[in-house]
Amino acid sequence: MLRFAPDGPERYKRVMYLMLLRHTKSSWSEPGMGDHDRKLNDRGRRGAIAMAEHIANACPRPDAIICSSAVRTQETLERIAPPAIKVSIRSKVEVIIL
C-alpha cells in the first residue's frame, strides 16, 4: 500500500507498507482431504472476524491483496478484506532465493 507522509512543510515522501497474514485455524476433520481443500473451523471463522476488526481499526487500508487459492485462505480473506479492494489470486507463486 502506498501512503504519503509529510517530510517537512512542503515535501512528501512515499511510504510503502507490506502486511503479511496467515490464514486462521483450519479443520483437519475430514480424513483424506487434500491440504489445499481444507476449510476453516469454527475457531478459525471467529478468529478471522477478530482479525478483520483489528485490521480495520489499526492498519492502513491496502491498495491490493494477493491471496493463495487454498480454501482456508479464501475463507479468511472473505472475512477480512474490505469489499472495494480488488483481489489477485495466485495459486502458484515462484520463490527465488538469492
N, C-alpha and C. Protein backbone atom coordinates (compact mmCIF):
# COMPACT_ATOMS: atom_id res chain seq x y z
N MET A 1 0.83 -1.16 0.00
CA MET A 1 0.00 0.00 0.00
C MET A 1 0.88 1.23 0.00
N LEU A 2 0.47 2.22 -0.67
CA LEU A 2 1.24 3.45 -0.77
C LEU A 2 0.54 4.54 0.01
N ARG A 3 1.32 5.24 0.81
CA ARG A 3 0.80 6.36 1.57
C ARG A 3 1.79 7.51 1.43
N PHE A 4 1.33 8.69 1.63
CA PHE A 4 2.20 9.85 1.60
C PHE A 4 2.28 10.43 2.99
N ALA A 5 3.50 10.57 3.49
CA ALA A 5 3.69 11.10 4.84
C ALA A 5 4.47 12.40 4.75
N PRO A 6 4.13 13.39 5.55
CA PRO A 6 4.84 14.66 5.50
C PRO A 6 6.30 14.51 5.87
N ASP A 7 7.15 15.16 5.13
CA ASP A 7 8.58 15.17 5.41
C ASP A 7 9.03 16.62 5.28
N GLY A 8 8.68 17.44 6.22
CA GLY A 8 8.92 18.87 6.12
C GLY A 8 7.64 19.55 5.70
N PRO A 9 7.63 20.87 5.68
CA PRO A 9 6.38 21.61 5.43
C PRO A 9 5.82 21.44 4.02
N GLU A 10 6.66 21.24 3.01
CA GLU A 10 6.13 21.20 1.64
C GLU A 10 6.50 19.94 0.88
N ARG A 11 7.27 19.09 1.51
CA ARG A 11 7.73 17.89 0.81
C ARG A 11 7.02 16.66 1.34
N TYR A 12 6.82 15.70 0.47
CA TYR A 12 6.21 14.44 0.87
C TYR A 12 7.06 13.30 0.38
N LYS A 13 7.10 12.23 1.12
CA LYS A 13 7.80 11.04 0.68
C LYS A 13 6.82 9.88 0.62
N ARG A 14 7.12 8.90 -0.20
CA ARG A 14 6.27 7.72 -0.32
C ARG A 14 6.59 6.75 0.80
N VAL A 15 5.56 6.23 1.42
CA VAL A 15 5.73 5.21 2.45
C VAL A 15 4.98 3.97 1.98
N MET A 16 5.67 2.86 1.91
CA MET A 16 5.04 1.61 1.49
C MET A 16 4.94 0.68 2.70
N TYR A 17 3.81 0.01 2.80
CA TYR A 17 3.57 -0.94 3.87
C TYR A 17 3.39 -2.33 3.26
N LEU A 18 3.92 -3.32 3.90
CA LEU A 18 3.70 -4.70 3.49
C LEU A 18 3.13 -5.43 4.70
N MET A 19 1.96 -5.99 4.54
CA MET A 19 1.31 -6.72 5.62
C MET A 19 1.24 -8.18 5.21
N LEU A 20 1.78 -9.06 6.02
CA LEU A 20 1.72 -10.50 5.76
C LEU A 20 0.77 -11.13 6.77
N LEU A 21 -0.18 -11.88 6.27
CA LEU A 21 -1.15 -12.54 7.13
C LEU A 21 -1.15 -14.03 6.85
N ARG A 22 -1.45 -14.78 7.85
CA ARG A 22 -1.62 -16.21 7.71
C ARG A 22 -3.11 -16.51 7.88
N HIS A 23 -3.57 -17.56 7.24
CA HIS A 23 -4.97 -17.96 7.42
C HIS A 23 -5.21 -18.28 8.88
N THR A 24 -6.46 -18.25 9.28
CA THR A 24 -6.81 -18.59 10.65
C THR A 24 -6.95 -20.12 10.78
N LYS A 25 -7.37 -20.59 11.92
CA LYS A 25 -7.38 -22.02 12.24
C LYS A 25 -8.22 -22.82 11.27
N SER A 26 -7.61 -23.87 10.72
CA SER A 26 -8.33 -24.71 9.75
C SER A 26 -8.67 -26.07 10.34
N SER A 27 -9.51 -26.78 9.63
CA SER A 27 -10.04 -28.06 10.11
C SER A 27 -9.26 -29.23 9.52
N TRP A 28 -9.04 -30.22 10.34
CA TRP A 28 -8.44 -31.49 9.90
C TRP A 28 -9.46 -32.61 10.08
N SER A 29 -10.75 -32.27 10.14
CA SER A 29 -11.78 -33.24 10.50
C SER A 29 -12.13 -34.23 9.38
N GLU A 30 -11.77 -33.93 8.14
CA GLU A 30 -12.12 -34.84 7.05
C GLU A 30 -10.89 -35.63 6.60
N PRO A 31 -10.81 -36.90 6.98
CA PRO A 31 -9.66 -37.71 6.59
C PRO A 31 -9.54 -37.80 5.06
N GLY A 32 -8.33 -37.73 4.58
CA GLY A 32 -8.10 -37.86 3.15
C GLY A 32 -8.25 -36.58 2.35
N MET A 33 -8.73 -35.52 2.99
CA MET A 33 -8.89 -34.25 2.27
C MET A 33 -7.51 -33.65 2.01
N GLY A 34 -7.33 -33.16 0.82
CA GLY A 34 -6.06 -32.53 0.48
C GLY A 34 -5.84 -31.23 1.25
N ASP A 35 -4.58 -30.91 1.49
CA ASP A 35 -4.25 -29.70 2.25
C ASP A 35 -4.85 -28.44 1.62
N HIS A 36 -4.84 -28.36 0.31
CA HIS A 36 -5.35 -27.18 -0.41
C HIS A 36 -6.85 -26.98 -0.21
N ASP A 37 -7.57 -28.08 0.08
CA ASP A 37 -9.03 -28.04 0.18
C ASP A 37 -9.56 -27.88 1.60
N ARG A 38 -8.67 -27.82 2.61
CA ARG A 38 -9.13 -27.70 3.99
C ARG A 38 -9.82 -26.36 4.23
N LYS A 39 -10.93 -26.42 4.98
CA LYS A 39 -11.72 -25.22 5.30
C LYS A 39 -11.37 -24.73 6.70
N LEU A 40 -11.84 -23.53 7.03
CA LEU A 40 -11.69 -23.02 8.39
C LEU A 40 -12.62 -23.78 9.31
N ASN A 41 -12.21 -23.94 10.55
CA ASN A 41 -13.12 -24.49 11.55
C ASN A 41 -13.81 -23.32 12.27
N ASP A 42 -14.65 -23.61 13.25
CA ASP A 42 -15.39 -22.54 13.95
C ASP A 42 -14.44 -21.53 14.59
N ARG A 43 -13.39 -22.03 15.23
CA ARG A 43 -12.40 -21.14 15.84
C ARG A 43 -11.75 -20.24 14.79
N GLY A 44 -11.46 -20.79 13.62
CA GLY A 44 -10.87 -20.02 12.54
C GLY A 44 -11.80 -18.94 12.01
N ARG A 45 -13.08 -19.25 11.90
CA ARG A 45 -14.05 -18.25 11.45
C ARG A 45 -14.16 -17.10 12.44
N ARG A 46 -14.18 -17.43 13.74
CA ARG A 46 -14.22 -16.38 14.78
C ARG A 46 -12.93 -15.57 14.76
N GLY A 47 -11.80 -16.25 14.59
CA GLY A 47 -10.52 -15.57 14.55
C GLY A 47 -10.40 -14.60 13.38
N ALA A 48 -10.95 -14.99 12.24
CA ALA A 48 -10.91 -14.11 11.06
C ALA A 48 -11.72 -12.85 11.29
N ILE A 49 -12.84 -12.97 11.97
CA ILE A 49 -13.66 -11.79 12.28
C ILE A 49 -12.92 -10.87 13.23
N ALA A 50 -12.26 -11.44 14.24
CA ALA A 50 -11.46 -10.63 15.17
C ALA A 50 -10.29 -9.96 14.43
N MET A 51 -9.67 -10.70 13.51
CA MET A 51 -8.57 -10.14 12.72
C MET A 51 -9.08 -8.98 11.87
N ALA A 52 -10.25 -9.12 11.28
CA ALA A 52 -10.83 -8.06 10.45
C ALA A 52 -11.05 -6.79 11.26
N GLU A 53 -11.55 -6.95 12.48
CA GLU A 53 -11.78 -5.78 13.33
C GLU A 53 -10.47 -5.08 13.67
N HIS A 54 -9.44 -5.86 13.98
CA HIS A 54 -8.14 -5.28 14.30
C HIS A 54 -7.56 -4.54 13.09
N ILE A 55 -7.61 -5.18 11.93
CA ILE A 55 -7.06 -4.56 10.72
C ILE A 55 -7.80 -3.26 10.40
N ALA A 56 -9.12 -3.28 10.52
CA ALA A 56 -9.92 -2.09 10.21
C ALA A 56 -9.59 -0.93 11.15
N ASN A 57 -9.27 -1.23 12.40
CA ASN A 57 -9.01 -0.19 13.39
C ASN A 57 -7.55 0.22 13.52
N ALA A 58 -6.62 -0.64 13.13
CA ALA A 58 -5.22 -0.37 13.44
C ALA A 58 -4.28 -0.34 12.25
N CYS A 59 -4.76 -0.68 11.08
CA CYS A 59 -3.86 -0.81 9.93
C CYS A 59 -4.30 0.09 8.78
N PRO A 60 -3.34 0.52 7.96
CA PRO A 60 -3.72 1.29 6.76
C PRO A 60 -4.51 0.40 5.80
N ARG A 61 -5.40 1.01 5.05
CA ARG A 61 -6.20 0.27 4.06
C ARG A 61 -5.28 -0.20 2.93
N PRO A 62 -5.36 -1.47 2.56
CA PRO A 62 -4.48 -1.97 1.49
C PRO A 62 -4.91 -1.49 0.11
N ASP A 63 -3.93 -1.30 -0.75
CA ASP A 63 -4.22 -0.98 -2.14
C ASP A 63 -4.45 -2.24 -2.95
N ALA A 64 -3.89 -3.35 -2.50
CA ALA A 64 -4.04 -4.62 -3.21
C ALA A 64 -3.82 -5.75 -2.23
N ILE A 65 -4.39 -6.91 -2.55
CA ILE A 65 -4.20 -8.11 -1.75
C ILE A 65 -3.87 -9.25 -2.71
N ILE A 66 -2.85 -10.00 -2.39
CA ILE A 66 -2.52 -11.21 -3.14
C ILE A 66 -2.78 -12.37 -2.19
N CYS A 67 -3.59 -13.31 -2.64
CA CYS A 67 -4.02 -14.39 -1.75
C CYS A 67 -3.90 -15.73 -2.46
N SER A 68 -3.50 -16.73 -1.70
CA SER A 68 -3.46 -18.09 -2.20
C SER A 68 -4.86 -18.55 -2.61
N SER A 69 -4.91 -19.55 -3.47
CA SER A 69 -6.22 -20.10 -3.87
C SER A 69 -6.68 -21.21 -2.92
N ALA A 70 -5.92 -21.53 -1.88
CA ALA A 70 -6.33 -22.56 -0.91
C ALA A 70 -7.65 -22.13 -0.27
N VAL A 71 -8.52 -23.09 -0.02
CA VAL A 71 -9.86 -22.80 0.51
C VAL A 71 -9.79 -22.02 1.82
N ARG A 72 -8.93 -22.42 2.74
CA ARG A 72 -8.87 -21.76 4.05
C ARG A 72 -8.39 -20.31 3.93
N THR A 73 -7.51 -20.02 2.97
CA THR A 73 -7.06 -18.64 2.80
C THR A 73 -8.16 -17.79 2.16
N GLN A 74 -8.92 -18.38 1.26
CA GLN A 74 -10.03 -17.66 0.64
C GLN A 74 -11.12 -17.36 1.67
N GLU A 75 -11.40 -18.31 2.56
CA GLU A 75 -12.39 -18.08 3.61
C GLU A 75 -11.93 -16.99 4.57
N THR A 76 -10.64 -16.99 4.91
CA THR A 76 -10.10 -15.93 5.77
C THR A 76 -10.24 -14.59 5.07
N LEU A 77 -9.85 -14.54 3.81
CA LEU A 77 -9.92 -13.29 3.04
C LEU A 77 -11.34 -12.75 2.95
N GLU A 78 -12.32 -13.61 2.74
CA GLU A 78 -13.72 -13.16 2.66
C GLU A 78 -14.15 -12.42 3.93
N ARG A 79 -13.56 -12.79 5.05
CA ARG A 79 -13.95 -12.18 6.32
C ARG A 79 -13.14 -10.93 6.67
N ILE A 80 -11.97 -10.75 6.03
CA ILE A 80 -11.15 -9.60 6.41
C ILE A 80 -11.00 -8.53 5.35
N ALA A 81 -11.20 -8.86 4.08
CA ALA A 81 -10.94 -7.90 3.00
C ALA A 81 -12.04 -6.86 2.89
N PRO A 82 -11.65 -5.59 2.81
CA PRO A 82 -12.66 -4.56 2.53
C PRO A 82 -13.29 -4.85 1.17
N PRO A 83 -14.59 -4.66 1.01
CA PRO A 83 -15.28 -5.03 -0.23
C PRO A 83 -14.77 -4.32 -1.48
N ALA A 84 -14.24 -3.12 -1.36
CA ALA A 84 -13.83 -2.37 -2.54
C ALA A 84 -12.44 -2.75 -3.05
N ILE A 85 -11.73 -3.60 -2.34
CA ILE A 85 -10.37 -3.96 -2.74
C ILE A 85 -10.42 -5.04 -3.81
N LYS A 86 -9.67 -4.82 -4.89
CA LYS A 86 -9.55 -5.85 -5.92
C LYS A 86 -8.55 -6.88 -5.43
N VAL A 87 -8.88 -8.14 -5.60
CA VAL A 87 -8.03 -9.20 -5.09
C VAL A 87 -7.44 -9.99 -6.24
N SER A 88 -6.14 -10.23 -6.15
CA SER A 88 -5.45 -11.04 -7.13
C SER A 88 -5.17 -12.40 -6.49
N ILE A 89 -5.70 -13.46 -7.08
CA ILE A 89 -5.49 -14.79 -6.54
C ILE A 89 -4.47 -15.50 -7.40
N ARG A 90 -3.39 -15.92 -6.76
CA ARG A 90 -2.33 -16.64 -7.47
C ARG A 90 -2.15 -17.99 -6.81
N SER A 91 -2.36 -19.04 -7.56
CA SER A 91 -2.22 -20.37 -6.97
C SER A 91 -0.77 -20.85 -7.02
N LYS A 92 0.02 -20.30 -7.91
CA LYS A 92 1.44 -20.68 -8.00
C LYS A 92 2.27 -19.42 -7.97
N VAL A 93 3.06 -19.30 -6.94
CA VAL A 93 3.96 -18.15 -6.83
C VAL A 93 5.37 -18.69 -6.78
N GLU A 94 6.21 -18.22 -7.68
CA GLU A 94 7.60 -18.65 -7.70
C GLU A 94 8.39 -17.90 -6.65
N VAL A 95 9.22 -18.61 -5.93
CA VAL A 95 10.08 -18.01 -4.93
C VAL A 95 11.52 -18.14 -5.42
N ILE A 96 12.21 -17.04 -5.45
CA ILE A 96 13.62 -17.05 -5.86
C ILE A 96 14.45 -16.70 -4.64
N ILE A 97 15.35 -17.58 -4.27
CA ILE A 97 16.23 -17.32 -3.13
C ILE A 97 17.57 -16.88 -3.67
N LEU A 98 17.99 -15.70 -3.26
CA LEU A 98 19.27 -15.16 -3.71
C LEU A 98 20.35 -15.41 -2.70
